[in-house]
Amino acid sequence: MARPRKPLLSRERIVSTALALIDSEGLPALSTRRLAAELGVSGPSLYNHFTTKDEILDAVADTVIAQVDVSALETGGDWRAGLLGWARSYRAALAAHPHIVPFLAQGPGRRPAGLKMADAAFGGMVEAGWPPAQATRVCAMVRYFVAGSALGSFARGFVDDPSAYDPADYPHLGQAHLLAEHQRQVDEGAFETGLRALVDGLALQFPARPTKG
């Protein structure tokens, strides 16, 4: 019996193809019809694996979040190191797939990897001594900061044409045309500076443990 000319359809293949399409063309490009065409199958065959387009998006989003390393929050060590490790890994995962960030910003919903990350972050902060209400706010703050950082590039917002920044109009932007050339250094440096500032500020708010008499 002849082997099939195309790989058999699977959830993994659907998700990886959907993610590649979103990465290259953005969220609006994803439709079941377009996805089926990319996979070389008929549209209805997708429904053997996913009931709706939203289910596909959920699976794509969870695949991205599954790349986030939450182990530093689960070891019971210093909460600062845990927060730094989580935020850096979180940003790396989102920065690799910025077009999915607006969908991820809606929250984890019922997605297993998203819920695991939320559970690890909240649990790690509470175990470190943060009251639950404050731990919730800290985790939310990190999520806002990471998502905003991954969504866009400050450096790429400037063109590489020096004539665009006439010193008569913009006396302090004489080097702005060089920012795009150093996009990664600028954006990652800005994230690291902000993250350090956030953690240092949180350290000032960390509740003192009651002393045993």
C-alpha atoms as a PDB file:
ATOM      1  CA  MET A   1       0.000   0.000   0.000  1.00  0.00           C
ATOM      2  CA  ALA A   2       1.390   3.395  -1.028  1.00  0.00           C
ATOM      3  CA  ARG A   3       2.409   5.749   1.762  1.00  0.00           C
ATOM      4  CA  PRO A   4       0.480   9.043   2.033  1.00  0.00           C
ATOM      5  CA  ARG A   5       2.116  11.887   0.113  1.00  0.00           C
ATOM      6  CA  LYS A   6       1.525  14.366   2.967  1.00  0.00           C
ATOM      7  CA  PRO A   7       2.155  13.843   6.685  1.00  0.00           C
ATOM      8  CA  LEU A   8      -0.905  12.733   8.588  1.00  0.00           C
ATOM      9  CA  LEU A   9      -2.777  15.573  10.255  1.00  0.00           C
ATOM     10  CA  SER A  10      -2.297  15.918  13.997  1.00  0.00           C
ATOM     11  CA  ARG A  11      -2.954  18.491  16.700  1.00  0.00           C
ATOM     12  CA  GLU A  12       0.768  19.212  16.885  1.00  0.00           C
ATOM     13  CA  ARG A  13       1.050  19.831  13.162  1.00  0.00           C
ATOM     14  CA  ILE A  14      -2.010  22.081  13.159  1.00  0.00           C
ATOM     15  CA  VAL A  15      -0.692  24.128  16.077  1.00  0.00           C
ATOM     16  CA  SER A  16       2.833  24.508  14.697  1.00  0.00           C
ATOM     17  CA  THR A  17       1.491  25.565  11.296  1.00  0.00           C
ATOM     18  CA  ALA A  18      -0.931  28.044  12.879  1.00  0.00           C
ATOM     19  CA  LEU A  19       1.872  29.536  14.969  1.00  0.00           C
ATOM     20  CA  ALA A  20       4.133  29.876  11.926  1.00  0.00           C
ATOM     21  CA  LEU A  21       1.328  31.633  10.050  1.00  0.00           C
ATOM     22  CA  ILE A  22       0.692  34.036  12.946  1.00  0.00           C
ATOM     23  CA  ASP A  23       4.412  34.704  13.319  1.00  0.00           C
ATOM     24  CA  SER A  24       4.800  35.591   9.657  1.00  0.00           C
ATOM     25  CA  GLU A  25       1.565  37.451   8.939  1.00  0.00           C
ATOM     26  CA  GLY A  26      -0.119  38.296  12.248  1.00  0.00           C
ATOM     27  CA  LEU A  27      -3.297  37.177  14.012  1.00  0.00           C
ATOM     28  CA  PRO A  28      -5.725  38.442  11.325  1.00  0.00           C
ATOM     29  CA  ALA A  29      -4.157  36.034   8.820  1.00  0.00           C
ATOM     30  CA  LEU A  30      -5.321  32.998  10.748  1.00  0.00           C
ATOM     31  CA  SER A  31      -8.559  31.441   9.566  1.00  0.00           C
ATOM     32  CA  THR A  32      -9.575  27.809   9.337  1.00  0.00           C
ATOM     33  CA  ARG A  33      -9.699  28.095   5.553  1.00  0.00           C
ATOM     34  CA  ARG A  34      -6.199  29.588   5.322  1.00  0.00           C
ATOM     35  CA  LEU A  35      -4.830  27.112   7.853  1.00  0.00           C
ATOM     36  CA  ALA A  36      -6.292  24.179   5.957  1.00  0.00           C
ATOM     37  CA  ALA A  37      -4.724  25.471   2.758  1.00  0.00           C
ATOM     38  CA  GLU A  38      -1.320  25.775   4.450  1.00  0.00           C
ATOM     39  CA  LEU A  39      -1.663  22.186   5.675  1.00  0.00           C
ATOM     40  CA  GLY A  40      -2.842  20.925   2.308  1.00  0.00           C
ATOM     41  CA  VAL A  41      -6.087  19.492   3.697  1.00  0.00           C
ATOM     42  CA  SER A  42      -9.776  20.250   3.496  1.00  0.00           C
ATOM     43  CA  GLY A  43     -11.245  22.631   6.071  1.00  0.00           C
ATOM     44  CA  PRO A  44     -13.549  20.095   7.741  1.00  0.00           C
ATOM     45  CA  SER A  45     -10.624  17.804   8.532  1.00  0.00           C
ATOM     46  CA  LEU A  46      -9.407  20.360  11.082  1.00  0.00           C
ATOM     47  CA  TYR A  47     -12.541  19.736  13.108  1.00  0.00           C
ATOM     48  CA  ASN A  48     -11.452  16.186  13.800  1.00  0.00           C
ATOM     49  CA  HIS A  49      -8.893  17.779  16.128  1.00  0.00           C
ATOM     50  CA  PHE A  50     -10.318  21.192  17.099  1.00  0.00           C
ATOM     51  CA  THR A  51     -13.940  22.262  17.343  1.00  0.00           C
ATOM     52  CA  THR A  52     -13.397  25.985  16.686  1.00  0.00           C
ATOM     53  CA  LYS A  53     -10.770  28.471  15.582  1.00  0.00           C
ATOM     54  CA  ASP A  54     -10.631  29.753  19.165  1.00  0.00           C
ATOM     55  CA  GLU A  55      -9.597  26.283  20.324  1.00  0.00           C
ATOM     56  CA  ILE A  56      -6.726  26.398  17.841  1.00  0.00           C
ATOM     57  CA  LEU A  57      -5.709  29.827  19.122  1.00  0.00           C
ATOM     58  CA  ASP A  58      -5.833  28.562  22.699  1.00  0.00           C
ATOM     59  CA  ALA A  59      -3.539  25.684  21.783  1.00  0.00           C
ATOM     60  CA  VAL A  60      -1.135  28.020  19.959  1.00  0.00           C
ATOM     61  CA  ALA A  61      -1.044  30.406  22.922  1.00  0.00           C
ATOM     62  CA  ASP A  62      -0.441  27.572  25.353  1.00  0.00           C
ATOM     63  CA  THR A  63       2.404  26.260  23.207  1.00  0.00           C
ATOM     64  CA  VAL A  64       4.122  29.632  23.535  1.00  0.00           C
ATOM     65  CA  ILE A  65       3.560  29.859  27.294  1.00  0.00           C
ATOM     66  CA  ALA A  66       4.809  26.287  27.740  1.00  0.00           C
ATOM     67  CA  GLN A  67       8.236  27.631  26.725  1.00  0.00           C
ATOM     68  CA  VAL A  68       8.374  29.827  29.852  1.00  0.00           C
ATOM     69  CA  ASP A  69      10.654  28.472  32.575  1.00  0.00           C
ATOM     70  CA  VAL A  70       8.918  28.735  35.962  1.00  0.00           C
ATOM     71  CA  SER A  71      11.347  26.482  37.840  1.00  0.00           C
ATOM     72  CA  ALA A  72      13.002  29.378  39.670  1.00  0.00           C
ATOM     73  CA  LEU A  73       9.654  30.160  41.287  1.00  0.00           C
ATOM     74  CA  GLU A  74       9.084  26.567  42.369  1.00  0.00           C
ATOM     75  CA  THR A  75      12.327  25.957  44.244  1.00  0.00           C
ATOM     76  CA  GLY A  76      11.355  27.939  47.344  1.00  0.00           C
ATOM     77  CA  GLY A  77      14.481  30.102  47.077  1.00  0.00           C
ATOM     78  CA  ASP A  78      14.879  33.865  47.030  1.00  0.00           C
ATOM     79  CA  TRP A  79      11.775  35.490  45.569  1.00  0.00           C
ATOM     80  CA  ARG A  80      13.869  38.139  43.793  1.00  0.00           C
ATOM     81  CA  ALA A  81      15.830  35.527  41.838  1.00  0.00           C
ATOM     82  CA  GLY A  82      12.608  33.666  41.091  1.00  0.00           C
ATOM     83  CA  LEU A  83      10.884  36.786  39.812  1.00  0.00           C
ATOM     84  CA  LEU A  84      13.852  37.790  37.662  1.00  0.00           C
ATOM     85  CA  GLY A  85      14.174  34.314  36.154  1.00  0.00           C
ATOM     86  CA  TRP A  86      10.474  34.044  35.410  1.00  0.00           C
ATOM     87  CA  ALA A  87      10.216  37.506  33.851  1.00  0.00           C
ATOM     88  CA  ARG A  88      13.241  36.996  31.616  1.00  0.00           C
ATOM     89  CA  SER A  89      12.049  33.622  30.361  1.00  0.00           C
ATOM     90  CA  TYR A  90       8.504  34.973  29.933  1.00  0.00           C
ATOM     91  CA  ARG A  91       9.711  37.888  27.821  1.00  0.00           C
ATOM     92  CA  ALA A  92      11.930  35.648  25.696  1.00  0.00           C
ATOM     93  CA  ALA A  93       8.977  33.403  24.856  1.00  0.00           C
ATOM     94  CA  LEU A  94       6.713  36.327  23.984  1.00  0.00           C
ATOM     95  CA  ALA A  95       9.367  38.298  22.099  1.00  0.00           C
ATOM     96  CA  ALA A  96       9.872  35.261  19.844  1.00  0.00           C
ATOM     97  CA  HIS A  97       6.161  35.352  18.934  1.00  0.00           C
ATOM     98  CA  PRO A  98       4.995  38.987  19.337  1.00  0.00           C
ATOM     99  CA  HIS A  99       1.905  38.638  17.137  1.00  0.00           C
ATOM    100  CA  ILE A 100       0.272  36.258  19.621  1.00  0.00           C
ATOM    101  CA  VAL A 101       0.776  38.664  22.551  1.00  0.00           C
ATOM    102  CA  PRO A 102      -2.571  40.495  22.156  1.00  0.00           C
ATOM    103  CA  PHE A 103      -4.379  37.166  22.433  1.00  0.00           C
ATOM    104  CA  LEU A 104      -2.273  36.103  25.405  1.00  0.00           C
ATOM    105  CA  ALA A 105      -3.011  39.421  27.112  1.00  0.00           C
ATOM    106  CA  GLN A 106      -6.589  38.264  27.608  1.00  0.00           C
ATOM    107  CA  GLY A 107      -5.390  35.898  30.336  1.00  0.00           C
ATOM    108  CA  PRO A 108      -4.849  32.150  30.693  1.00  0.00           C
ATOM    109  CA  GLY A 109      -8.500  31.125  30.564  1.00  0.00           C
ATOM    110  CA  ARG A 110      -8.517  27.328  30.770  1.00  0.00           C
ATOM    111  CA  ARG A 111      -5.142  26.820  29.075  1.00  0.00           C
ATOM    112  CA  PRO A 112      -3.036  24.332  31.095  1.00  0.00           C
ATOM    113  CA  ALA A 113       0.390  25.917  30.534  1.00  0.00           C
ATOM    114  CA  GLY A 114      -0.970  29.382  31.274  1.00  0.00           C
ATOM    115  CA  LEU A 115      -2.593  28.168  34.475  1.00  0.00           C
ATOM    116  CA  LYS A 116       0.574  26.325  35.493  1.00  0.00           C
ATOM    117  CA  MET A 117       2.580  29.512  35.060  1.00  0.00           C
ATOM    118  CA  ALA A 118       0.056  31.550  37.041  1.00  0.00           C
ATOM    119  CA  ASP A 119      -0.009  28.934  39.786  1.00  0.00           C
ATOM    120  CA  ALA A 120       3.790  28.817  40.005  1.00  0.00           C
ATOM    121  CA  ALA A 121       4.156  32.598  40.088  1.00  0.00           C
ATOM    122  CA  PHE A 122       1.463  33.179  42.692  1.00  0.00           C
ATOM    123  CA  GLY A 123       2.458  30.166  44.770  1.00  0.00           C
ATOM    124  CA  GLY A 124       6.125  31.093  44.712  1.00  0.00           C
ATOM    125  CA  MET A 125       5.448  34.615  45.914  1.00  0.00           C
ATOM    126  CA  VAL A 126       3.102  33.494  48.686  1.00  0.00           C
ATOM    127  CA  GLU A 127       5.555  30.845  49.878  1.00  0.00           C
ATOM    128  CA  ALA A 128       8.263  33.523  49.965  1.00  0.00           C
ATOM    129  CA  GLY A 129       6.179  35.552  52.404  1.00  0.00           C
ATOM    130  CA  TRP A 130       4.068  37.867  50.268  1.00  0.00           C
ATOM    131  CA  PRO A 131       0.426  38.178  51.414  1.00  0.00           C
ATOM    132  CA  PRO A 132      -1.908  36.678  48.774  1.00  0.00           C
ATOM    133  CA  ALA A 133      -3.427  40.021  47.742  1.00  0.00           C
ATOM    134  CA  GLN A 134      -0.010  41.575  47.221  1.00  0.00           C
ATOM    135  CA  ALA A 135       1.269  38.460  45.445  1.00  0.00           C
ATOM    136  CA  THR A 136      -1.625  38.752  42.995  1.00  0.00           C
ATOM    137  CA  ARG A 137      -0.750  42.371  42.266  1.00  0.00           C
ATOM    138  CA  VAL A 138       2.942  41.570  41.809  1.00  0.00           C
ATOM    139  CA  CYS A 139       2.195  38.781  39.336  1.00  0.00           C
ATOM    140  CA  ALA A 140      -0.193  41.018  37.419  1.00  0.00           C
ATOM    141  CA  MET A 141       2.406  43.794  37.300  1.00  0.00           C
ATOM    142  CA  VAL A 142       5.045  41.449  35.881  1.00  0.00           C
ATOM    143  CA  ARG A 143       2.572  40.252  33.256  1.00  0.00           C
ATOM    144  CA  TYR A 144       1.783  43.832  32.186  1.00  0.00           C
ATOM    145  CA  PHE A 145       5.464  44.738  32.025  1.00  0.00           C
ATOM    146  CA  VAL A 146       6.519  41.659  30.088  1.00  0.00           C
ATOM    147  CA  ALA A 147       3.656  41.826  27.593  1.00  0.00           C
ATOM    148  CA  GLY A 148       4.281  45.502  26.891  1.00  0.00           C
ATOM    149  CA  SER A 149       7.986  44.898  26.423  1.00  0.00           C
ATOM    150  CA  ALA A 150       7.445  41.992  24.034  1.00  0.00           C
ATOM    151  CA  LEU A 151       4.691  43.646  22.023  1.00  0.00           C
ATOM    152  CA  GLY A 152       6.766  46.321  20.383  1.00  0.00           C
ATOM    153  CA  SER A 153      10.253  47.707  19.892  1.00  0.00           C
ATOM    154  CA  PHE A 154      11.253  51.172  21.064  1.00  0.00           C
ATOM    155  CA  ALA A 155      14.347  51.130  18.879  1.00  0.00           C
ATOM    156  CA  ARG A 156      12.511  50.141  15.688  1.00  0.00           C
ATOM    157  CA  GLY A 157      10.238  53.136  16.164  1.00  0.00           C
ATOM    158  CA  PHE A 158      12.980  55.390  14.823  1.00  0.00           C
ATOM    159  CA  VAL A 159      14.050  55.503  11.160  1.00  0.00           C
ATOM    160  CA  ASP A 160      17.695  55.161  10.151  1.00  0.00           C
ATOM    161  CA  ASP A 161      17.676  58.439   8.196  1.00  0.00           C
ATOM    162  CA  PRO A 162      19.598  61.173  10.075  1.00  0.00           C
ATOM    163  CA  SER A 163      17.797  63.885   8.090  1.00  0.00           C
ATOM    164  CA  ALA A 164      14.568  62.939   9.880  1.00  0.00           C
ATOM    165  CA  TYR A 165      15.937  64.434  13.084  1.00  0.00           C
ATOM    166  CA  ASP A 166      16.805  68.024  12.233  1.00  0.00           C
ATOM    167  CA  PRO A 167      18.651  69.436  15.268  1.00  0.00           C
ATOM    168  CA  ALA A 168      16.717  72.656  14.840  1.00  0.00           C
ATOM    169  CA  ASP A 169      13.537  70.733  15.664  1.00  0.00           C
ATOM    170  CA  TYR A 170      14.884  67.862  17.769  1.00  0.00           C
ATOM    171  CA  PRO A 171      18.061  69.044  19.493  1.00  0.00           C
ATOM    172  CA  HIS A 172      18.361  65.894  21.614  1.00  0.00           C
ATOM    173  CA  LEU A 173      17.780  63.256  18.909  1.00  0.00           C
ATOM    174  CA  GLY A 174      21.054  63.554  17.041  1.00  0.00           C
ATOM    175  CA  GLN A 175      21.752  59.819  17.481  1.00  0.00           C
ATOM    176  CA  ALA A 176      18.183  58.565  17.103  1.00  0.00           C
ATOM    177  CA  HIS A 177      18.841  57.256  13.595  1.00  0.00           C
ATOM    178  CA  LEU A 178      21.248  54.716  15.099  1.00  0.00           C
ATOM    179  CA  LEU A 179      18.714  53.129  17.438  1.00  0.00           C
ATOM    180  CA  ALA A 180      17.214  50.701  14.914  1.00  0.00           C
ATOM    181  CA  GLU A 181      20.694  49.371  14.139  1.00  0.00           C
ATOM    182  CA  HIS A 182      21.094  48.450  17.817  1.00  0.00           C
ATOM    183  CA  GLN A 183      17.505  47.304  18.323  1.00  0.00           C
ATOM    184  CA  ARG A 184      18.197  44.186  20.363  1.00  0.00           C
ATOM    185  CA  GLN A 185      20.704  45.880  22.648  1.00  0.00           C
ATOM    186  CA  VAL A 186      18.395  48.849  23.263  1.00  0.00           C
ATOM    187  CA  ASP A 187      15.208  46.870  23.820  1.00  0.00           C
ATOM    188  CA  GLU A 188      16.725  44.137  25.969  1.00  0.00           C
ATOM    189  CA  GLY A 189      18.662  46.735  27.949  1.00  0.00           C
ATOM    190  CA  ALA A 190      15.511  48.736  28.558  1.00  0.00           C
ATOM    191  CA  PHE A 191      13.667  45.625  29.720  1.00  0.00           C
ATOM    192  CA  GLU A 192      16.482  44.654  32.082  1.00  0.00           C
ATOM    193  CA  THR A 193      16.710  48.181  33.511  1.00  0.00           C
ATOM    194  CA  GLY A 194      12.977  48.300  34.137  1.00  0.00           C
ATOM    195  CA  LEU A 195      12.856  44.789  35.566  1.00  0.00           C
ATOM    196  CA  ARG A 196      15.651  45.537  38.024  1.00  0.00           C
ATOM    197  CA  ALA A 197      13.907  48.737  39.063  1.00  0.00           C
ATOM    198  CA  LEU A 198      10.659  46.854  39.639  1.00  0.00           C
ATOM    199  CA  VAL A 199      12.307  44.185  41.776  1.00  0.00           C
ATOM    200  CA  ASP A 200      14.264  46.769  43.767  1.00  0.00           C
ATOM    201  CA  GLY A 201      11.052  48.688  44.380  1.00  0.00           C
ATOM    202  CA  LEU A 202       9.225  45.545  45.449  1.00  0.00           C
ATOM    203  CA  ALA A 203      12.013  44.752  47.916  1.00  0.00           C
ATOM    204  CA  LEU A 204      11.150  47.976  49.737  1.00  0.00           C
ATOM    205  CA  GLN A 205       7.542  46.784  50.059  1.00  0.00           C
ATOM    206  CA  PHE A 206       8.319  43.234  51.132  1.00  0.00           C
ATOM    207  CA  PRO A 207       6.516  42.643  54.420  1.00  0.00           C
ATOM    208  CA  ALA A 208       8.796  42.049  57.380  1.00  0.00           C
ATOM    209  CA  ARG A 209       8.393  38.643  58.961  1.00  0.00           C
ATOM    210  CA  PRO A 210       7.310  38.787  62.590  1.00  0.00           C
ATOM    211  CA  THR A 211      10.145  38.058  64.990  1.00  0.00           C
ATOM    212  CA  LYS A 212       9.816  35.166  67.363  1.00  0.00           C
ATOM    213  CA  GLY A 213      10.058  36.171  71.006  1.00  0.00           C
END
